[in-house]
Structure formats: C-alpha cells, structure tokens
PDB file of N, CA and C in Angstrom:
ATOM      1  N   UNK A   1      -6.494  10.535  23.340  1.00  0.00           N
ATOM      2  CA  UNK A   1      -6.482   9.958  22.013  1.00  0.00           C
ATOM      3  C   UNK A   1      -5.856  10.978  21.067  1.00  0.00           C
ATOM      4  N   UNK A   2      -4.894  10.548  20.277  1.00  0.00           N
ATOM      5  CA  UNK A   2      -4.212  11.447  19.351  1.00  0.00           C
ATOM      6  C   UNK A   2      -5.154  11.833  18.213  1.00  0.00           C
ATOM      7  N   UNK A   3      -4.869  12.962  17.547  1.00  0.00           N
ATOM      8  CA  UNK A   3      -5.710  13.365  16.413  1.00  0.00           C
ATOM      9  C   UNK A   3      -5.757  12.295  15.323  1.00  0.00           C
ATOM     10  N   UNK A   4      -4.640  11.621  15.071  1.00  0.00           N
ATOM     11  CA  UNK A   4      -4.622  10.583  14.038  1.00  0.00           C
ATOM     12  C   UNK A   4      -5.506   9.410  14.441  1.00  0.00           C
ATOM     13  N   UNK A   5      -5.427   8.990  15.712  1.00  0.00           N
ATOM     14  CA  UNK A   5      -6.267   7.890  16.182  1.00  0.00           C
ATOM     15  C   UNK A   5      -7.738   8.295  16.148  1.00  0.00           C
ATOM     16  N   UNK A   6      -8.023   9.550  16.501  1.00  0.00           N
ATOM     17  CA  UNK A   6      -9.405  10.042  16.464  1.00  0.00           C
ATOM     18  C   UNK A   6      -9.933  10.023  15.030  1.00  0.00           C
ATOM     19  N   UNK A   7      -9.088  10.443  14.074  1.00  0.00           N
ATOM     20  CA  UNK A   7      -9.486  10.445  12.673  1.00  0.00           C
ATOM     21  C   UNK A   7      -9.736   9.023  12.182  1.00  0.00           C
ATOM     22  N   UNK A   8      -8.868   8.096  12.556  1.00  0.00           N
ATOM     23  CA  UNK A   8      -9.050   6.707  12.138  1.00  0.00           C
ATOM     24  C   UNK A   8     -10.293   6.095  12.776  1.00  0.00           C
ATOM     25  N   UNK A   9     -10.570   6.471  14.026  1.00  0.00           N
ATOM     26  CA  UNK A   9     -11.768   5.979  14.691  1.00  0.00           C
ATOM     27  C   UNK A   9     -13.011   6.514  13.988  1.00  0.00           C
ATOM     28  N   UNK A  10     -12.974   7.801  13.611  1.00  0.00           N
ATOM     29  CA  UNK A  10     -14.121   8.374  12.901  1.00  0.00           C
ATOM     30  C   UNK A  10     -14.285   7.707  11.540  1.00  0.00           C
ATOM     31  N   UNK A  11     -13.171   7.343  10.890  1.00  0.00           N
ATOM     32  CA  UNK A  11     -13.250   6.652   9.601  1.00  0.00           C
ATOM     33  C   UNK A  11     -13.884   5.280   9.770  1.00  0.00           C
ATOM     34  N   UNK A  12     -13.525   4.583  10.869  1.00  0.00           N
ATOM     35  CA  UNK A  12     -14.114   3.264  11.128  1.00  0.00           C
ATOM     36  C   UNK A  12     -15.614   3.391  11.381  1.00  0.00           C
ATOM     37  N   UNK A  13     -15.999   4.410  12.142  1.00  0.00           N
ATOM     38  CA  UNK A  13     -17.419   4.629  12.421  1.00  0.00           C
ATOM     39  C   UNK A  13     -18.154   4.979  11.129  1.00  0.00           C
ATOM     40  N   UNK A  14     -17.533   5.821  10.294  1.00  0.00           N
ATOM     41  CA  UNK A  14     -18.156   6.194   9.023  1.00  0.00           C
ATOM     42  C   UNK A  14     -18.324   4.977   8.118  1.00  0.00           C
ATOM     43  N   UNK A  15     -17.304   4.110   8.106  1.00  0.00           N
ATOM     44  CA  UNK A  15     -17.398   2.890   7.292  1.00  0.00           C
ATOM     45  C   UNK A  15     -18.520   1.997   7.803  1.00  0.00           C
ATOM     46  N   UNK A  16     -18.623   1.870   9.114  1.00  0.00           N
ATOM     47  CA  UNK A  16     -19.690   1.050   9.693  1.00  0.00           C
ATOM     48  C   UNK A  16     -21.059   1.631   9.369  1.00  0.00           C
ATOM     49  N   UNK A  17     -21.177   2.952   9.482  1.00  0.00           N
ATOM     50  CA  UNK A  17     -22.456   3.597   9.192  1.00  0.00           C
ATOM     51  C   UNK A  17     -22.826   3.447   7.718  1.00  0.00           C
ATOM     52  N   UNK A  18     -21.847   3.605   6.839  1.00  0.00           N
ATOM     53  CA  UNK A  18     -22.105   3.452   5.409  1.00  0.00           C
ATOM     54  C   UNK A  18     -22.580   2.048   5.085  1.00  0.00           C
ATOM     55  N   UNK A  19     -21.893   1.059   5.630  1.00  0.00           N
ATOM     56  CA  UNK A  19     -22.291  -0.326   5.374  1.00  0.00           C
ATOM     57  C   UNK A  19     -23.689  -0.603   5.908  1.00  0.00           C
ATOM     58  N   UNK A  20     -23.984  -0.088   7.084  1.00  0.00           N
ATOM     59  CA  UNK A  20     -25.304  -0.314   7.672  1.00  0.00           C
ATOM     60  C   UNK A  20     -26.398   0.340   6.834  1.00  0.00           C
ATOM     61  N   UNK A  21     -26.148   1.552   6.358  1.00  0.00           N
ATOM     62  CA  UNK A  21     -27.141   2.239   5.536  1.00  0.00           C
ATOM     63  C   UNK A  21     -27.343   1.541   4.192  1.00  0.00           C
ATOM     64  N   UNK A  22     -26.246   1.094   3.583  1.00  0.00           N
ATOM     65  CA  UNK A  22     -26.366   0.380   2.314  1.00  0.00           C
ATOM     66  C   UNK A  22     -27.134  -0.927   2.488  1.00  0.00           C
ATOM     67  N   UNK A  23     -26.844  -1.617   3.571  1.00  0.00           N
ATOM     68  CA  UNK A  23     -27.535  -2.882   3.821  1.00  0.00           C
ATOM     69  C   UNK A  23     -29.023  -2.646   4.056  1.00  0.00           C
ATOM     70  N   UNK A  24     -29.340  -1.601   4.797  1.00  0.00           N
ATOM     71  CA  UNK A  24     -30.748  -1.312   5.086  1.00  0.00           C
ATOM     72  C   UNK A  24     -31.486  -0.872   3.819  1.00  0.00           C
ATOM     73  N   UNK A  25     -30.837  -0.045   3.011  1.00  0.00           N
ATOM     74  CA  UNK A  25     -31.521   0.455   1.816  1.00  0.00           C
ATOM     75  C   UNK A  25     -31.736  -0.648   0.783  1.00  0.00           C
ATOM     76  N   UNK A  26     -30.857  -1.625   0.733  1.00  0.00           N
ATOM     77  CA  UNK A  26     -31.003  -2.721  -0.220  1.00  0.00           C
ATOM     78  C   UNK A  26     -31.799  -3.878   0.362  1.00  0.00           C
ATOM     79  N   UNK A  27     -32.183  -3.744   1.627  1.00  0.00           N
ATOM     80  CA  UNK A  27     -32.911  -4.806   2.316  1.00  0.00           C
ATOM     81  C   UNK A  27     -32.161  -6.129   2.200  1.00  0.00           C
ATOM     82  N   UNK A  28     -30.858  -6.036   2.432  1.00  0.00           N
ATOM     83  CA  UNK A  28     -29.997  -7.214   2.288  1.00  0.00           C
ATOM     84  C   UNK A  28     -30.339  -8.243   3.350  1.00  0.00           C
ATOM     85  N   UNK A  29     -30.635  -9.447   2.899  1.00  0.00           N
ATOM     86  CA  UNK A  29     -30.951 -10.548   3.796  1.00  0.00           C
ATOM     87  C   UNK A  29     -29.797 -11.546   3.858  1.00  0.00           C
ATOM     88  N   UNK A  30     -28.693 -11.227   3.181  1.00  0.00           N
ATOM     89  CA  UNK A  30     -27.556 -12.127   3.138  1.00  0.00           C
ATOM     90  C   UNK A  30     -26.587 -11.804   4.265  1.00  0.00           C
ATOM     91  N   UNK A  31     -25.327 -12.152   4.085  1.00  0.00           N
ATOM     92  CA  UNK A  31     -24.311 -11.961   5.119  1.00  0.00           C
ATOM     93  C   UNK A  31     -24.195 -10.486   5.509  1.00  0.00           C
ATOM     94  N   UNK A  32     -23.733 -10.257   6.732  1.00  0.00           N
ATOM     95  CA  UNK A  32     -23.559  -8.902   7.250  1.00  0.00           C
ATOM     96  C   UNK A  32     -22.480  -8.168   6.462  1.00  0.00           C
ATOM     97  N   UNK A  33     -22.491  -6.857   6.565  1.00  0.00           N
ATOM     98  CA  UNK A  33     -21.513  -6.027   5.892  1.00  0.00           C
ATOM     99  C   UNK A  33     -20.120  -6.322   6.430  1.00  0.00           C
ATOM    100  N   UNK A  34     -19.142  -6.347   5.522  1.00  0.00           N
ATOM    101  CA  UNK A  34     -17.760  -6.610   5.908  1.00  0.00           C
ATOM    102  C   UNK A  34     -16.834  -5.679   5.160  1.00  0.00           C
ATOM    103  N   UNK A  35     -15.715  -5.394   5.772  1.00  0.00           N
ATOM    104  CA  UNK A  35     -14.610  -4.705   5.119  1.00  0.00           C
ATOM    105  C   UNK A  35     -13.512  -5.758   5.034  1.00  0.00           C
ATOM    106  N   UNK A  36     -13.306  -6.280   3.846  1.00  0.00           N
ATOM    107  CA  UNK A  36     -12.413  -7.426   3.702  1.00  0.00           C
ATOM    108  C   UNK A  36     -13.065  -8.617   4.383  1.00  0.00           C
ATOM    109  N   UNK A  37     -12.383  -9.195   5.345  1.00  0.00           N
ATOM    110  CA  UNK A  37     -12.939 -10.310   6.116  1.00  0.00           C
ATOM    111  C   UNK A  37     -13.455  -9.858   7.479  1.00  0.00           C
ATOM    112  N   UNK A  38     -13.413  -8.568   7.752  1.00  0.00           N
ATOM    113  CA  UNK A  38     -13.777  -8.040   9.065  1.00  0.00           C
ATOM    114  C   UNK A  38     -15.245  -7.626   9.072  1.00  0.00           C
ATOM    115  N   UNK A  39     -16.064  -8.235   9.939  1.00  0.00           N
ATOM    116  CA  UNK A  39     -17.476  -7.839  10.012  1.00  0.00           C
ATOM    117  C   UNK A  39     -17.618  -6.433  10.603  1.00  0.00           C
ATOM    118  N   UNK A  40     -18.543  -5.674  10.044  1.00  0.00           N
ATOM    119  CA  UNK A  40     -18.795  -4.316  10.518  1.00  0.00           C
ATOM    120  C   UNK A  40     -20.022  -4.348  11.418  1.00  0.00           C
ATOM    121  N   UNK A  41     -19.890  -3.858  12.662  1.00  0.00           N
ATOM    122  CA  UNK A  41     -21.037  -3.885  13.570  1.00  0.00           C
ATOM    123  C   UNK A  41     -22.139  -2.946  13.111  1.00  0.00           C
ATOM    124  N   UNK A  42     -23.362  -3.304  13.418  1.00  0.00           N
ATOM    125  CA  UNK A  42     -24.511  -2.482  13.061  1.00  0.00           C
ATOM    126  C   UNK A  42     -24.773  -1.408  14.096  1.00  0.00           C
ATOM    127  N   UNK A  43     -25.803  -0.610  13.856  1.00  0.00           N
ATOM    128  CA  UNK A  43     -26.155   0.478  14.766  1.00  0.00           C
ATOM    129  C   UNK A  43     -26.585  -0.016  16.140  1.00  0.00           C
ATOM    130  N   UNK A  44     -27.081  -1.227  16.219  1.00  0.00           N
ATOM    131  CA  UNK A  44     -27.544  -1.756  17.500  1.00  0.00           C
ATOM    132  C   UNK A  44     -26.382  -2.095  18.434  1.00  0.00           C
ATOM    133  N   UNK A  45     -25.180  -2.162  17.913  1.00  0.00           N
ATOM    134  CA  UNK A  45     -24.005  -2.486  18.722  1.00  0.00           C
ATOM    135  C   UNK A  45     -23.712  -1.333  19.658  1.00  0.00           C
ATOM    136  N   UNK A  46     -23.731  -1.605  20.952  1.00  0.00           N
ATOM    137  CA  UNK A  46     -23.486  -0.571  21.960  1.00  0.00           C
ATOM    138  C   UNK A  46     -22.007  -0.456  22.300  1.00  0.00           C
ATOM    139  N   UNK A  47     -21.296  -1.583  22.339  1.00  0.00           N
ATOM    140  CA  UNK A  47     -19.872  -1.563  22.653  1.00  0.00           C
ATOM    141  C   UNK A  47     -19.138  -2.454  21.665  1.00  0.00           C
ATOM    142  N   UNK A  48     -17.862  -2.223  21.558  1.00  0.00           N
ATOM    143  CA  UNK A  48     -17.012  -2.992  20.669  1.00  0.00           C
ATOM    144  C   UNK A  48     -15.809  -3.440  21.482  1.00  0.00           C
ATOM    145  N   UNK A  49     -15.623  -4.739  21.585  1.00  0.00           N
ATOM    146  CA  UNK A  49     -14.503  -5.271  22.347  1.00  0.00           C
ATOM    147  C   UNK A  49     -13.173  -4.913  21.707  1.00  0.00           C
ATOM    148  N   UNK A  50     -12.085  -5.013  22.479  1.00  0.00           N
ATOM    149  CA  UNK A  50     -10.769  -4.646  21.959  1.00  0.00           C
ATOM    150  C   UNK A  50     -10.373  -5.438  20.708  1.00  0.00           C
ATOM    151  N   UNK A  51     -10.662  -6.717  20.675  1.00  0.00           N
ATOM    152  CA  UNK A  51     -10.284  -7.540  19.521  1.00  0.00           C
ATOM    153  C   UNK A  51     -11.033  -7.095  18.269  1.00  0.00           C
ATOM    154  N   UNK A  52     -12.347  -6.870  18.391  1.00  0.00           N
ATOM    155  CA  UNK A  52     -13.156  -6.424  17.256  1.00  0.00           C
ATOM    156  C   UNK A  52     -12.751  -5.017  16.816  1.00  0.00           C
ATOM    157  N   UNK A  53     -12.493  -4.133  17.790  1.00  0.00           N
ATOM    158  CA  UNK A  53     -12.076  -2.768  17.457  1.00  0.00           C
ATOM    159  C   UNK A  53     -10.756  -2.782  16.706  1.00  0.00           C
ATOM    160  N   UNK A  54      -9.779  -3.536  17.213  1.00  0.00           N
ATOM    161  CA  UNK A  54      -8.466  -3.587  16.572  1.00  0.00           C
ATOM    162  C   UNK A  54      -8.557  -4.148  15.159  1.00  0.00           C
ATOM    163  N   UNK A  55      -9.398  -5.168  14.955  1.00  0.00           N
ATOM    164  CA  UNK A  55      -9.566  -5.742  13.614  1.00  0.00           C
ATOM    165  C   UNK A  55     -10.192  -4.723  12.668  1.00  0.00           C
ATOM    166  N   UNK A  56     -11.231  -4.010  13.130  1.00  0.00           N
ATOM    167  CA  UNK A  56     -11.899  -3.009  12.304  1.00  0.00           C
ATOM    168  C   UNK A  56     -10.961  -1.833  12.033  1.00  0.00           C
ATOM    169  N   UNK A  57     -10.237  -1.422  13.046  1.00  0.00           N
ATOM    170  CA  UNK A  57      -9.279  -0.318  12.909  1.00  0.00           C
ATOM    171  C   UNK A  57      -8.207  -0.682  11.884  1.00  0.00           C
ATOM    172  N   UNK A  58      -7.680  -1.905  11.938  1.00  0.00           N
ATOM    173  CA  UNK A  58      -6.664  -2.346  10.979  1.00  0.00           C
ATOM    174  C   UNK A  58      -7.233  -2.405   9.564  1.00  0.00           C
ATOM    175  N   UNK A  59      -8.509  -2.736   9.429  1.00  0.00           N
ATOM    176  CA  UNK A  59      -9.130  -2.841   8.106  1.00  0.00           C
ATOM    177  C   UNK A  59      -9.286  -1.488   7.432  1.00  0.00           C
ATOM    178  N   UNK A  60      -9.466  -0.421   8.204  1.00  0.00           N
ATOM    179  CA  UNK A  60      -9.669   0.906   7.610  1.00  0.00           C
ATOM    180  C   UNK A  60      -8.430   1.789   7.680  1.00  0.00           C
ATOM    181  N   UNK A  61      -7.372   1.312   8.348  1.00  0.00           N
ATOM    182  CA  UNK A  61      -6.146   2.099   8.497  1.00  0.00           C
ATOM    183  C   UNK A  61      -5.502   2.294   7.123  1.00  0.00           C
ATOM    184  N   UNK A  62      -5.129   3.543   6.789  1.00  0.00           N
ATOM    185  CA  UNK A  62      -4.450   3.779   5.521  1.00  0.00           C
ATOM    186  C   UNK A  62      -3.107   3.054   5.490  1.00  0.00           C
ATOM    187  N   UNK A  63      -2.716   2.603   4.326  1.00  0.00           N
ATOM    188  CA  UNK A  63      -1.423   1.957   4.193  1.00  0.00           C
ATOM    189  C   UNK A  63      -1.159   1.553   2.754  1.00  0.00           C
ATOM    190  N   UNK A  64       0.060   1.156   2.499  1.00  0.00           N
ATOM    191  CA  UNK A  64       0.427   0.701   1.164  1.00  0.00           C
ATOM    192  C   UNK A  64       0.963   1.818   0.294  1.00  0.00           C
ATOM    193  N   UNK A  65       1.182   1.496  -0.959  1.00  0.00           N
ATOM    194  CA  UNK A  65       1.775   2.442  -1.900  1.00  0.00           C
ATOM    195  C   UNK A  65       0.885   3.654  -2.147  1.00  0.00           C
ATOM    196  N   UNK A  66      -0.405   3.519  -1.942  1.00  0.00           N
ATOM    197  CA  UNK A  66      -1.320   4.636  -2.156  1.00  0.00           C
ATOM    198  C   UNK A  66      -1.249   5.701  -1.077  1.00  0.00           C
ATOM    199  N   UNK A  67      -0.467   5.475  -0.071  1.00  0.00           N
ATOM    200  CA  UNK A  67      -0.375   6.428   1.040  1.00  0.00           C
ATOM    201  C   UNK A  67       0.993   7.094   1.102  1.00  0.00           C
ATOM    202  N   UNK A  68       1.680   7.198  -0.030  1.00  0.00           N
ATOM    203  CA  UNK A  68       3.017   7.804  -0.066  1.00  0.00           C
ATOM    204  C   UNK A  68       2.989   9.275   0.355  1.00  0.00           C
ATOM    205  N   UNK A  69       1.822   9.931   0.230  1.00  0.00           N
ATOM    206  CA  UNK A  69       1.722  11.339   0.596  1.00  0.00           C
ATOM    207  C   UNK A  69       2.032  11.551   2.072  1.00  0.00           C
ATOM    208  N   UNK A  70       1.893  10.495   2.893  1.00  0.00           N
ATOM    209  CA  UNK A  70       2.173  10.642   4.325  1.00  0.00           C
ATOM    210  C   UNK A  70       3.664  10.746   4.608  1.00  0.00           C
ATOM    211  N   UNK A  71       4.511  10.441   3.613  1.00  0.00           N
ATOM    212  CA  UNK A  71       5.959  10.513   3.789  1.00  0.00           C
ATOM    213  C   UNK A  71       6.489  11.934   3.585  1.00  0.00           C
ATOM    214  N   UNK A  72       5.644  12.823   3.083  1.00  0.00           N
ATOM    215  CA  UNK A  72       6.054  14.210   2.841  1.00  0.00           C
ATOM    216  C   UNK A  72       6.018  14.975   4.160  1.00  0.00           C
ATOM    217  N   UNK A  73       7.016  15.808   4.369  1.00  0.00           N
ATOM    218  CA  UNK A  73       7.059  16.634   5.586  1.00  0.00           C
ATOM    219  C   UNK A  73       6.154  17.847   5.436  1.00  0.00           C
ATOM    220  N   UNK A  74       4.832  17.630   5.499  1.00  0.00           N
ATOM    221  CA  UNK A  74       3.870  18.711   5.320  1.00  0.00           C
ATOM    222  C   UNK A  74       4.087  19.787   6.373  1.00  0.00           C
ATOM    223  N   UNK A  75       3.965  21.032   5.966  1.00  0.00           N
ATOM    224  CA  UNK A  75       4.191  22.164   6.852  1.00  0.00           C
ATOM    225  C   UNK A  75       2.872  22.911   7.049  1.00  0.00           C
ATOM    226  N   UNK A  76       2.319  22.903   8.265  1.00  0.00           N
ATOM    227  CA  UNK A  76       1.050  23.594   8.491  1.00  0.00           C
ATOM    228  C   UNK A  76       1.200  25.112   8.616  1.00  0.00           C
ATOM    229  N   UNK A  77       2.433  25.599   8.757  1.00  0.00           N
ATOM    230  CA  UNK A  77       2.699  27.028   8.910  1.00  0.00           C
ATOM    231  C   UNK A  77       3.101  27.606   7.545  1.00  0.00           C
ATOM    232  N   UNK A  78       2.251  28.454   6.963  1.00  0.00           N
ATOM    233  CA  UNK A  78       2.485  28.990   5.622  1.00  0.00           C
ATOM    234  C   UNK A  78       3.771  29.799   5.544  1.00  0.00           C
ATOM    235  N   UNK A  79       4.036  30.619   6.529  1.00  0.00           N
ATOM    236  CA  UNK A  79       5.246  31.455   6.500  1.00  0.00           C
ATOM    237  C   UNK A  79       6.498  30.583   6.543  1.00  0.00           C
ATOM    238  N   UNK A  80       6.499  29.587   7.430  1.00  0.00           N
ATOM    239  CA  UNK A  80       7.647  28.673   7.512  1.00  0.00           C
ATOM    240  C   UNK A  80       7.797  27.878   6.217  1.00  0.00           C
ATOM    241  N   UNK A  81       6.681  27.480   5.607  1.00  0.00           N
ATOM    242  CA  UNK A  81       6.724  26.732   4.351  1.00  0.00           C
ATOM    243  C   UNK A  81       7.309  27.592   3.238  1.00  0.00           C
ATOM    244  N   UNK A  82       6.942  28.873   3.178  1.00  0.00           N
ATOM    245  CA  UNK A  82       7.477  29.778   2.157  1.00  0.00           C
ATOM    246  C   UNK A  82       8.980  29.957   2.329  1.00  0.00           C
ATOM    247  N   UNK A  83       9.416  30.075   3.576  1.00  0.00           N
ATOM    248  CA  UNK A  83      10.860  30.216   3.835  1.00  0.00           C
ATOM    249  C   UNK A  83      11.610  28.961   3.394  1.00  0.00           C
ATOM    250  N   UNK A  84      11.066  27.796   3.739  1.00  0.00           N
ATOM    251  CA  UNK A  84      11.708  26.534   3.362  1.00  0.00           C
ATOM    252  C   UNK A  84      11.755  26.383   1.852  1.00  0.00           C
ATOM    253  N   UNK A  85      10.656  26.686   1.173  1.00  0.00           N
ATOM    254  CA  UNK A  85      10.601  26.576  -0.286  1.00  0.00           C
ATOM    255  C   UNK A  85      11.615  27.508  -0.942  1.00  0.00           C
ATOM    256  N   UNK A  86      11.729  28.730  -0.439  1.00  0.00           N
ATOM    257  CA  UNK A  86      12.686  29.689  -0.993  1.00  0.00           C
ATOM    258  C   UNK A  86      14.124  29.229  -0.731  1.00  0.00           C
ATOM    259  N   UNK A  87      14.392  28.759   0.474  1.00  0.00           N
ATOM    260  CA  UNK A  87      15.734  28.310   0.838  1.00  0.00           C
ATOM    261  C   UNK A  87      16.165  27.108  -0.001  1.00  0.00           C
ATOM    262  N   UNK A  88      15.232  26.178  -0.262  1.00  0.00           N
ATOM    263  CA  UNK A  88      15.548  24.960  -1.001  1.00  0.00           C
ATOM    264  C   UNK A  88      15.264  25.103  -2.502  1.00  0.00           C
ATOM    265  N   UNK A  89      14.822  26.299  -2.926  1.00  0.00           N
ATOM    266  CA  UNK A  89      14.497  26.567  -4.331  1.00  0.00           C
ATOM    267  C   UNK A  89      13.524  25.510  -4.872  1.00  0.00           C
ATOM    268  N   UNK A  90      12.452  25.291  -4.130  1.00  0.00           N
ATOM    269  CA  UNK A  90      11.426  24.320  -4.512  1.00  0.00           C
ATOM    270  C   UNK A  90      10.069  25.009  -4.583  1.00  0.00           C
ATOM    271  N   UNK A  91       9.141  24.436  -5.351  1.00  0.00           N
ATOM    272  CA  UNK A  91       7.801  25.032  -5.418  1.00  0.00           C
ATOM    273  C   UNK A  91       7.028  24.801  -4.121  1.00  0.00           C
ATOM    274  N   UNK A  92       5.992  25.556  -3.966  1.00  0.00           N
ATOM    275  CA  UNK A  92       5.147  25.459  -2.781  1.00  0.00           C
ATOM    276  C   UNK A  92       3.768  24.971  -3.212  1.00  0.00           C
ATOM    277  N   UNK A  93       3.308  23.875  -2.626  1.00  0.00           N
ATOM    278  CA  UNK A  93       1.967  23.361  -2.901  1.00  0.00           C
ATOM    279  C   UNK A  93       1.053  23.850  -1.785  1.00  0.00           C
ATOM    280  N   UNK A  94       0.027  24.564  -2.154  1.00  0.00           N
ATOM    281  CA  UNK A  94      -0.927  25.079  -1.185  1.00  0.00           C
ATOM    282  C   UNK A  94      -2.227  24.313  -1.348  1.00  0.00           C
ATOM    283  N   UNK A  95      -2.583  23.527  -0.342  1.00  0.00           N
ATOM    284  CA  UNK A  95      -3.793  22.707  -0.378  1.00  0.00           C
ATOM    285  C   UNK A  95      -4.862  23.436   0.426  1.00  0.00           C
ATOM    286  N   UNK A  96      -5.896  23.879  -0.262  1.00  0.00           N
ATOM    287  CA  UNK A  96      -6.964  24.634   0.389  1.00  0.00           C
ATOM    288  C   UNK A  96      -8.275  23.909   0.153  1.00  0.00           C
ATOM    289  N   UNK A  97      -9.083  23.829   1.188  1.00  0.00           N
ATOM    290  CA  UNK A  97     -10.390  23.201   1.030  1.00  0.00           C
ATOM    291  C   UNK A  97     -11.417  23.958   1.848  1.00  0.00           C
ATOM    292  N   UNK A  98     -12.647  23.710   1.547  1.00  0.00           N
ATOM    293  CA  UNK A  98     -13.746  24.344   2.247  1.00  0.00           C
ATOM    294  C   UNK A  98     -14.689  23.247   2.722  1.00  0.00           C
ATOM    295  N   UNK A  99     -14.996  23.246   3.990  1.00  0.00           N
ATOM    296  CA  UNK A  99     -15.920  22.261   4.505  1.00  0.00           C
ATOM    297  C   UNK A  99     -15.275  21.350   5.534  1.00  0.00           C
ATOM    298  N   UNK A 100     -16.003  20.359   5.926  1.00  0.00           N
ATOM    299  CA  UNK A 100     -15.555  19.402   6.926  1.00  0.00           C
ATOM    300  C   UNK A 100     -14.451  18.526   6.330  1.00  0.00           C
ATOM    301  N   UNK A 101     -13.354  18.262   7.092  1.00  0.00           N
ATOM    302  CA  UNK A 101     -12.249  17.488   6.549  1.00  0.00           C
ATOM    303  C   UNK A 101     -12.607  16.047   6.172  1.00  0.00           C
ATOM    304  N   UNK A 102     -13.677  15.505   6.713  1.00  0.00           N
ATOM    305  CA  UNK A 102     -14.085  14.142   6.371  1.00  0.00           C
ATOM    306  C   UNK A 102     -15.251  14.121   5.388  1.00  0.00           C
ATOM    307  N   UNK A 103     -15.619  15.290   4.890  1.00  0.00           N
ATOM    308  CA  UNK A 103     -16.711  15.356   3.931  1.00  0.00           C
ATOM    309  C   UNK A 103     -18.084  15.265   4.590  1.00  0.00           C
ATOM    310  N   UNK A 104     -18.130  15.377   5.901  1.00  0.00           N
ATOM    311  CA  UNK A 104     -19.407  15.320   6.621  1.00  0.00           C
ATOM    312  C   UNK A 104     -20.088  16.672   6.537  1.00  0.00           C
ATOM    313  N   UNK A 105     -21.205  16.725   5.844  1.00  0.00           N
ATOM    314  CA  UNK A 105     -21.899  18.020   5.722  1.00  0.00           C
ATOM    315  C   UNK A 105     -23.296  17.924   6.273  1.00  0.00           C
TER     316      UNK A 105
END
C-alpha cells in the first residue's frame, strides 16, 4: 500500500471514528452517520467490502479547487530546495510542524 493510500485509509478510519463518537455522545436515534450520501460503518463493523470501501474512500479523498497545493513540486530535501530556489531566484517556504501528521495525539 502506498503512503498516499495509507494516509487516505487512515483519514477514512478517522472519519468513521469521529462520526461514531459523535453519534454515541449525542445518543442519536436517527439515521446512521454519513459523509455525503455514503454511510459510515460503526465500530462493530469487522470488515468492509470493496464496494463500500471504494465509496467511503472516494468520499474522503481530497479533490477540487481546495487541493491546488498538491500541484506544487514540494521538495523534501532542504539542501536541494535551497539550490533550486537560488537557481530560480524564488523564495523558499519552509513548513515545519511538531507532532503527529494527522493530529493524533
């Protein structure tokens, strides 16, 4: 499984867990949690069939105009990025964070 697919799978699981926790805390007796029109399985779900997985994966997959940042040729190597920035006379954006990349603490 590629890192991107793993990240998207973790996002789908996080979305399912969030919906399940919200439903439990509100004691929701109405329709099950959904992302758009896609039902989110609860914690009792042991397996997810390919059709359900693909629908859930498509519902949480990033896309659209809000994802333009993915079109940038991000450089994970700082030295190579500095050389490229100097060669092209462009600024260098340094994105630094502390903690888990998905905000899981």
